[in-house]
Amino acid sequence: MINYYHRFLPGIAPILARLHAQASGKGQNIEWTKECQEAFESAKEVLSKAVLLHHPQPDAPTSLTVDASNTAVGAQLEQRQGQSWVPLAFFSRKLSDSEKKYSAFDRELLASYSAVRHFRHFLEGRLFTLYIDHKPLAFALSSQTDRSPRQTRHLSFITEFTTDIQHIKGKFNVVADALSRLNTIGTTADVASSNHLNSLTTDPREGNGEVTASTLTASPKTN
């Protein structure tokens, strides 16, 4: 059931990490530990509180907000429908051992690349803004610094879908941050309620030119 409803369950992958690890050993007995039981109970709780997703609208402003932690990456796909931003889908996955060694820049870039790749069926041919809370990555497209082959590959893939990459203050990046930090088995992150998110996204615009949740009311780029 969890696999079937996976797209409705933000951050379920890190919660199930310990269960997957137990089941991956071939020819070995499964040791049902306290951590396994806590992961199982957390997964059931997340399933019982599945977020209500909205149907996409063809011309509504669209945003993809991403974040990365030391152990996982997460993203939320949203549209502005009416007076508020509403969720269309969520994405999260844990990092591999090698990915955990990436720099903060590379983890944020990986989060952006993974999220765009995951939602490419929806994003292809559509105007959308990619929001990140890592400033160096926000300026990566215009910088002339040397890049590794992996960085070049990830940035090139992202720019096939959008060049509208903007910075959002970390304190406003509530859901994507929570999705990327569900790394403690046995705990369920308190993802912000829709009312709280709406209160963040309906504030008057700030006039300092910096992208925050209160400037998300802007339409996506048209050029």
C-alpha atoms as a PDB file:
ATOM      1  CA  MET A   1       0.000   0.000   0.000  1.00  0.00           C
ATOM      2  CA  ILE A   2       2.827   2.394   0.814  1.00  0.00           C
ATOM      3  CA  ASN A   3       4.422   1.783  -2.575  1.00  0.00           C
ATOM      4  CA  TYR A   4       1.093   2.463  -4.283  1.00  0.00           C
ATOM      5  CA  TYR A   5       0.583   5.767  -2.432  1.00  0.00           C
ATOM      6  CA  HIS A   6       4.262   6.744  -2.473  1.00  0.00           C
ATOM      7  CA  ARG A   7       3.733  10.054  -4.289  1.00  0.00           C
ATOM      8  CA  PHE A   8       1.276  11.154  -1.598  1.00  0.00           C
ATOM      9  CA  LEU A   9       3.736  10.509   1.234  1.00  0.00           C
ATOM     10  CA  PRO A  10       6.400  13.196   1.689  1.00  0.00           C
ATOM     11  CA  GLY A  11       9.625  11.798   3.121  1.00  0.00           C
ATOM     12  CA  ILE A  12       8.573   8.161   3.266  1.00  0.00           C
ATOM     13  CA  ALA A  13      11.817   6.855   1.723  1.00  0.00           C
ATOM     14  CA  PRO A  14      14.121   7.813   4.631  1.00  0.00           C
ATOM     15  CA  ILE A  15      11.609   6.413   7.131  1.00  0.00           C
ATOM     16  CA  LEU A  16      11.675   3.047   5.380  1.00  0.00           C
ATOM     17  CA  ALA A  17      15.454   2.988   4.996  1.00  0.00           C
ATOM     18  CA  ARG A  18      16.015   0.586   7.904  1.00  0.00           C
ATOM     19  CA  LEU A  19      13.286  -1.796   6.718  1.00  0.00           C
ATOM     20  CA  HIS A  20      14.745  -1.847   3.217  1.00  0.00           C
ATOM     21  CA  ALA A  21      18.196  -2.549   4.654  1.00  0.00           C
ATOM     22  CA  GLN A  22      16.839  -5.512   6.619  1.00  0.00           C
ATOM     23  CA  ALA A  23      15.090  -6.955   3.583  1.00  0.00           C
ATOM     24  CA  SER A  24      18.010  -6.508   1.188  1.00  0.00           C
ATOM     25  CA  GLY A  25      20.191  -9.281   2.603  1.00  0.00           C
ATOM     26  CA  LYS A  26      19.837 -12.485   0.604  1.00  0.00           C
ATOM     27  CA  GLY A  27      19.616 -15.716   2.554  1.00  0.00           C
ATOM     28  CA  GLN A  28      19.690 -13.936   5.893  1.00  0.00           C
ATOM     29  CA  ASN A  29      17.164 -13.974   8.676  1.00  0.00           C
ATOM     30  CA  ILE A  30      15.458 -10.659   9.340  1.00  0.00           C
ATOM     31  CA  GLU A  31      16.110  -9.355  12.840  1.00  0.00           C
ATOM     32  CA  TRP A  32      13.065  -7.301  13.857  1.00  0.00           C
ATOM     33  CA  THR A  33      14.661  -4.681  16.078  1.00  0.00           C
ATOM     34  CA  LYS A  34      13.166  -1.809  18.018  1.00  0.00           C
ATOM     35  CA  GLU A  35      14.262   0.536  15.237  1.00  0.00           C
ATOM     36  CA  CYS A  36      12.428  -1.606  12.676  1.00  0.00           C
ATOM     37  CA  GLN A  37       9.254  -1.459  14.730  1.00  0.00           C
ATOM     38  CA  GLU A  38       9.570   2.311  15.115  1.00  0.00           C
ATOM     39  CA  ALA A  39      10.083   2.674  11.362  1.00  0.00           C
ATOM     40  CA  PHE A  40       7.027   0.510  10.714  1.00  0.00           C
ATOM     41  CA  GLU A  41       4.886   2.572  13.095  1.00  0.00           C
ATOM     42  CA  SER A  42       6.153   5.837  11.591  1.00  0.00           C
ATOM     43  CA  ALA A  43       5.330   4.626   8.080  1.00  0.00           C
ATOM     44  CA  LYS A  44       1.784   3.758   9.156  1.00  0.00           C
ATOM     45  CA  GLU A  45       1.387   7.193  10.718  1.00  0.00           C
ATOM     46  CA  VAL A  46       2.585   8.939   7.558  1.00  0.00           C
ATOM     47  CA  LEU A  47       0.188   6.821   5.499  1.00  0.00           C
ATOM     48  CA  SER A  48      -2.717   7.763   7.766  1.00  0.00           C
ATOM     49  CA  LYS A  49      -1.933  11.462   7.301  1.00  0.00           C
ATOM     50  CA  ALA A  50      -1.418  11.403   3.554  1.00  0.00           C
ATOM     51  CA  VAL A  51      -1.337  14.918   2.171  1.00  0.00           C
ATOM     52  CA  LEU A  52      -4.206  15.926  -0.091  1.00  0.00           C
ATOM     53  CA  LEU A  53      -2.714  16.652  -3.505  1.00  0.00           C
ATOM     54  CA  HIS A  54      -4.329  18.974  -6.023  1.00  0.00           C
ATOM     55  CA  HIS A  55      -4.928  18.461  -9.722  1.00  0.00           C
ATOM     56  CA  PRO A  56      -2.591  20.562 -11.885  1.00  0.00           C
ATOM     57  CA  GLN A  57      -3.917  23.459 -13.936  1.00  0.00           C
ATOM     58  CA  PRO A  58      -2.373  24.040 -17.372  1.00  0.00           C
ATOM     59  CA  ASP A  59      -1.651  27.769 -17.022  1.00  0.00           C
ATOM     60  CA  ALA A  60      -1.107  28.164 -13.273  1.00  0.00           C
ATOM     61  CA  PRO A  61       2.270  29.477 -12.021  1.00  0.00           C
ATOM     62  CA  THR A  62       4.370  26.452 -11.087  1.00  0.00           C
ATOM     63  CA  SER A  63       7.291  26.064  -8.698  1.00  0.00           C
ATOM     64  CA  LEU A  64       9.658  23.281  -7.719  1.00  0.00           C
ATOM     65  CA  THR A  65      11.312  23.816  -4.328  1.00  0.00           C
ATOM     66  CA  VAL A  66      14.205  21.576  -3.306  1.00  0.00           C
ATOM     67  CA  ASP A  67      16.529  21.029  -0.372  1.00  0.00           C
ATOM     68  CA  ALA A  68      19.258  18.647   0.722  1.00  0.00           C
ATOM     69  CA  SER A  69      20.522  17.488   4.096  1.00  0.00           C
ATOM     70  CA  ASN A  70      23.475  15.298   4.999  1.00  0.00           C
ATOM     71  CA  THR A  71      21.429  12.136   4.461  1.00  0.00           C
ATOM     72  CA  ALA A  72      18.614  12.796   1.962  1.00  0.00           C
ATOM     73  CA  VAL A  73      17.160  15.121  -0.663  1.00  0.00           C
ATOM     74  CA  GLY A  74      13.582  16.342  -0.939  1.00  0.00           C
ATOM     75  CA  ALA A  75      11.354  18.464  -3.152  1.00  0.00           C
ATOM     76  CA  GLN A  76       7.816  19.774  -3.442  1.00  0.00           C
ATOM     77  CA  LEU A  77       6.016  20.535  -6.703  1.00  0.00           C
ATOM     78  CA  GLU A  78       3.415  23.287  -6.320  1.00  0.00           C
ATOM     79  CA  GLN A  79       1.092  25.555  -8.271  1.00  0.00           C
ATOM     80  CA  ARG A  80      -0.541  28.819  -7.363  1.00  0.00           C
ATOM     81  CA  GLN A  81      -4.263  28.129  -7.589  1.00  0.00           C
ATOM     82  CA  GLY A  82      -6.516  30.911  -6.417  1.00  0.00           C
ATOM     83  CA  GLN A  83      -4.902  32.801  -3.563  1.00  0.00           C
ATOM     84  CA  SER A  84      -2.505  30.150  -2.319  1.00  0.00           C
ATOM     85  CA  TRP A  85       0.173  27.692  -3.341  1.00  0.00           C
ATOM     86  CA  VAL A  86      -1.043  24.097  -3.268  1.00  0.00           C
ATOM     87  CA  PRO A  87       0.967  20.840  -3.446  1.00  0.00           C
ATOM     88  CA  LEU A  88       0.861  18.687  -6.563  1.00  0.00           C
ATOM     89  CA  ALA A  89       3.424  16.078  -5.526  1.00  0.00           C
ATOM     90  CA  PHE A  90       6.379  15.384  -3.252  1.00  0.00           C
ATOM     91  CA  PHE A  91       9.707  13.673  -3.790  1.00  0.00           C
ATOM     92  CA  SER A  92      12.384  12.415  -1.429  1.00  0.00           C
ATOM     93  CA  ARG A  93      15.143   9.848  -1.393  1.00  0.00           C
ATOM     94  CA  LYS A  94      18.065   9.000   0.846  1.00  0.00           C
ATOM     95  CA  LEU A  95      21.629   9.640  -0.239  1.00  0.00           C
ATOM     96  CA  SER A  96      24.037   6.840  -1.024  1.00  0.00           C
ATOM     97  CA  ASP A  97      27.219   6.532   1.012  1.00  0.00           C
ATOM     98  CA  SER A  98      29.224   8.256  -1.723  1.00  0.00           C
ATOM     99  CA  GLU A  99      26.642  11.038  -2.114  1.00  0.00           C
ATOM    100  CA  LYS A 100      26.807  11.774   1.620  1.00  0.00           C
ATOM    101  CA  LYS A 101      30.422  12.830   1.059  1.00  0.00           C
ATOM    102  CA  TYR A 102      29.421  15.530  -1.442  1.00  0.00           C
ATOM    103  CA  SER A 103      29.920  19.181  -0.560  1.00  0.00           C
ATOM    104  CA  ALA A 104      26.863  21.252   0.376  1.00  0.00           C
ATOM    105  CA  PHE A 105      26.864  22.720  -3.148  1.00  0.00           C
ATOM    106  CA  ASP A 106      26.956  19.302  -4.779  1.00  0.00           C
ATOM    107  CA  ARG A 107      24.212  17.918  -2.526  1.00  0.00           C
ATOM    108  CA  GLU A 108      21.944  20.867  -3.344  1.00  0.00           C
ATOM    109  CA  LEU A 109      22.746  20.438  -7.035  1.00  0.00           C
ATOM    110  CA  LEU A 110      21.978  16.728  -6.762  1.00  0.00           C
ATOM    111  CA  ALA A 111      18.661  17.552  -5.073  1.00  0.00           C
ATOM    112  CA  SER A 112      17.747  19.904  -7.926  1.00  0.00           C
ATOM    113  CA  TYR A 113      18.821  17.432 -10.594  1.00  0.00           C
ATOM    114  CA  SER A 114      17.013  14.519  -8.939  1.00  0.00           C
ATOM    115  CA  ALA A 115      13.807  16.515  -8.451  1.00  0.00           C
ATOM    116  CA  VAL A 116      13.707  17.795 -12.031  1.00  0.00           C
ATOM    117  CA  ARG A 117      14.416  14.303 -13.324  1.00  0.00           C
ATOM    118  CA  HIS A 118      11.694  12.818 -11.101  1.00  0.00           C
ATOM    119  CA  PHE A 119       9.069  15.339 -12.261  1.00  0.00           C
ATOM    120  CA  ARG A 120      10.275  15.694 -15.856  1.00  0.00           C
ATOM    121  CA  HIS A 121       7.042  14.224 -17.254  1.00  0.00           C
ATOM    122  CA  PHE A 122       5.167  17.179 -15.735  1.00  0.00           C
ATOM    123  CA  LEU A 123       7.782  19.914 -16.163  1.00  0.00           C
ATOM    124  CA  GLU A 124       8.713  19.312 -19.788  1.00  0.00           C
ATOM    125  CA  GLY A 125       7.447  22.167 -21.950  1.00  0.00           C
ATOM    126  CA  ARG A 126       6.109  24.089 -18.941  1.00  0.00           C
ATOM    127  CA  LEU A 127       7.338  27.365 -17.426  1.00  0.00           C
ATOM    128  CA  PHE A 128       8.344  26.917 -13.792  1.00  0.00           C
ATOM    129  CA  THR A 129      10.682  28.384 -11.195  1.00  0.00           C
ATOM    130  CA  LEU A 130      13.206  26.252  -9.342  1.00  0.00           C
ATOM    131  CA  TYR A 131      13.617  27.514  -5.760  1.00  0.00           C
ATOM    132  CA  ILE A 132      16.666  26.612  -3.689  1.00  0.00           C
ATOM    133  CA  ASP A 133      17.990  27.876  -0.362  1.00  0.00           C
ATOM    134  CA  HIS A 134      21.677  27.570  -1.329  1.00  0.00           C
ATOM    135  CA  LYS A 135      22.835  30.907  -2.770  1.00  0.00           C
ATOM    136  CA  PRO A 136      25.980  29.684  -4.573  1.00  0.00           C
ATOM    137  CA  LEU A 137      23.881  27.258  -6.598  1.00  0.00           C
ATOM    138  CA  ALA A 138      21.415  30.008  -7.503  1.00  0.00           C
ATOM    139  CA  PHE A 139      24.233  31.826  -9.307  1.00  0.00           C
ATOM    140  CA  ALA A 140      25.931  28.743 -10.736  1.00  0.00           C
ATOM    141  CA  LEU A 141      24.501  29.203 -14.227  1.00  0.00           C
ATOM    142  CA  SER A 142      25.969  32.688 -14.642  1.00  0.00           C
ATOM    143  CA  SER A 143      29.323  32.007 -12.970  1.00  0.00           C
ATOM    144  CA  GLN A 144      32.470  31.182 -14.907  1.00  0.00           C
ATOM    145  CA  THR A 145      34.024  28.921 -12.294  1.00  0.00           C
ATOM    146  CA  ASP A 146      35.433  25.550 -13.252  1.00  0.00           C
ATOM    147  CA  ARG A 147      33.006  22.672 -12.831  1.00  0.00           C
ATOM    148  CA  SER A 148      33.484  18.978 -12.445  1.00  0.00           C
ATOM    149  CA  PRO A 149      32.036  16.692 -15.130  1.00  0.00           C
ATOM    150  CA  ARG A 150      29.234  15.689 -12.762  1.00  0.00           C
ATOM    151  CA  GLN A 151      28.360  19.320 -11.982  1.00  0.00           C
ATOM    152  CA  THR A 152      28.336  20.155 -15.687  1.00  0.00           C
ATOM    153  CA  ARG A 153      26.110  17.164 -16.439  1.00  0.00           C
ATOM    154  CA  HIS A 154      23.618  18.016 -13.685  1.00  0.00           C
ATOM    155  CA  LEU A 155      23.453  21.727 -14.544  1.00  0.00           C
ATOM    156  CA  SER A 156      23.048  20.969 -18.247  1.00  0.00           C
ATOM    157  CA  PHE A 157      20.143  18.637 -17.533  1.00  0.00           C
ATOM    158  CA  ILE A 158      18.406  21.202 -15.318  1.00  0.00           C
ATOM    159  CA  THR A 159      18.753  23.954 -17.925  1.00  0.00           C
ATOM    160  CA  GLU A 160      16.995  21.756 -20.471  1.00  0.00           C
ATOM    161  CA  PHE A 161      13.859  22.409 -18.408  1.00  0.00           C
ATOM    162  CA  THR A 162      14.379  25.843 -16.810  1.00  0.00           C
ATOM    163  CA  THR A 163      16.901  28.638 -16.367  1.00  0.00           C
ATOM    164  CA  ASP A 164      14.711  30.370 -13.774  1.00  0.00           C
ATOM    165  CA  ILE A 165      16.583  29.322 -10.642  1.00  0.00           C
ATOM    166  CA  GLN A 166      16.034  31.556  -7.640  1.00  0.00           C
ATOM    167  CA  HIS A 167      17.059  31.696  -4.001  1.00  0.00           C
ATOM    168  CA  ILE A 168      14.559  31.342  -1.180  1.00  0.00           C
ATOM    169  CA  LYS A 169      15.399  31.955   2.468  1.00  0.00           C
ATOM    170  CA  GLY A 170      15.934  28.701   4.322  1.00  0.00           C
ATOM    171  CA  LYS A 171      13.403  29.566   7.028  1.00  0.00           C
ATOM    172  CA  PHE A 172      10.698  29.686   4.351  1.00  0.00           C
ATOM    173  CA  ASN A 173      11.752  26.426   2.695  1.00  0.00           C
ATOM    174  CA  VAL A 174       9.700  24.462   5.206  1.00  0.00           C
ATOM    175  CA  VAL A 175       8.419  21.394   3.387  1.00  0.00           C
ATOM    176  CA  ALA A 176      11.421  20.595   1.193  1.00  0.00           C
ATOM    177  CA  ASP A 177      13.678  21.010   4.221  1.00  0.00           C
ATOM    178  CA  ALA A 178      11.531  18.598   6.231  1.00  0.00           C
ATOM    179  CA  LEU A 179      11.543  16.066   3.395  1.00  0.00           C
ATOM    180  CA  SER A 180      15.341  16.129   3.250  1.00  0.00           C
ATOM    181  CA  ARG A 181      15.723  15.688   7.015  1.00  0.00           C
ATOM    182  CA  LEU A 182      13.495  12.686   7.720  1.00  0.00           C
ATOM    183  CA  ASN A 183      16.610  10.693   8.472  1.00  0.00           C
ATOM    184  CA  THR A 184      15.927   9.584  12.033  1.00  0.00           C
ATOM    185  CA  ILE A 185      14.111   6.281  12.040  1.00  0.00           C
ATOM    186  CA  GLY A 186      11.244   6.297  14.491  1.00  0.00           C
ATOM    187  CA  THR A 187      10.323   9.964  14.100  1.00  0.00           C
ATOM    188  CA  THR A 188       7.853  11.602  11.782  1.00  0.00           C
ATOM    189  CA  ALA A 189       8.656  15.156  10.731  1.00  0.00           C
ATOM    190  CA  ASP A 190       6.008  17.752  11.403  1.00  0.00           C
ATOM    191  CA  VAL A 191       5.614  19.010   7.852  1.00  0.00           C
ATOM    192  CA  ALA A 192       4.059  22.451   7.871  1.00  0.00           C
ATOM    193  CA  SER A 193       0.301  22.552   7.568  1.00  0.00           C
ATOM    194  CA  SER A 194      -1.287  24.052   4.480  1.00  0.00           C
ATOM    195  CA  ASN A 195      -2.576  26.965   6.544  1.00  0.00           C
ATOM    196  CA  HIS A 196       0.933  27.780   7.723  1.00  0.00           C
ATOM    197  CA  LEU A 197       2.313  27.559   4.194  1.00  0.00           C
ATOM    198  CA  ASN A 198      -0.458  29.784   2.915  1.00  0.00           C
ATOM    199  CA  SER A 199       0.362  32.374   5.554  1.00  0.00           C
ATOM    200  CA  LEU A 200       3.936  32.394   4.299  1.00  0.00           C
ATOM    201  CA  THR A 201       3.059  32.725   0.640  1.00  0.00           C
ATOM    202  CA  THR A 202       0.391  35.414   0.860  1.00  0.00           C
ATOM    203  CA  ASP A 203       2.423  38.109   2.620  1.00  0.00           C
ATOM    204  CA  PRO A 204       3.034  41.354   0.676  1.00  0.00           C
ATOM    205  CA  ARG A 205       6.109  41.286  -1.520  1.00  0.00           C
ATOM    206  CA  GLU A 206       9.373  42.343  -0.001  1.00  0.00           C
ATOM    207  CA  GLY A 207      10.968  45.144  -1.925  1.00  0.00           C
ATOM    208  CA  ASN A 208      14.590  44.121  -1.549  1.00  0.00           C
ATOM    209  CA  GLY A 209      14.656  41.884  -4.614  1.00  0.00           C
ATOM    210  CA  GLU A 210      15.528  38.763  -2.639  1.00  0.00           C
ATOM    211  CA  VAL A 211      13.296  35.798  -3.252  1.00  0.00           C
ATOM    212  CA  THR A 212      11.409  34.643  -0.169  1.00  0.00           C
ATOM    213  CA  ALA A 213       8.157  32.799   0.298  1.00  0.00           C
ATOM    214  CA  SER A 214       6.370  36.147   0.199  1.00  0.00           C
ATOM    215  CA  THR A 215       7.602  36.766  -3.354  1.00  0.00           C
ATOM    216  CA  LEU A 216       6.383  33.420  -4.649  1.00  0.00           C
ATOM    217  CA  THR A 217       3.230  35.153  -5.874  1.00  0.00           C
ATOM    218  CA  ALA A 218       5.192  36.259  -8.922  1.00  0.00           C
ATOM    219  CA  SER A 219       4.353  34.557 -12.202  1.00  0.00           C
ATOM    220  CA  PRO A 220       7.017  32.381 -13.818  1.00  0.00           C
ATOM    221  CA  LYS A 221       9.300  33.911 -16.396  1.00  0.00           C
ATOM    222  CA  THR A 222       7.842  34.350 -19.845  1.00  0.00           C
ATOM    223  CA  ASN A 223      11.037  34.841 -21.806  1.00  0.00           C
END
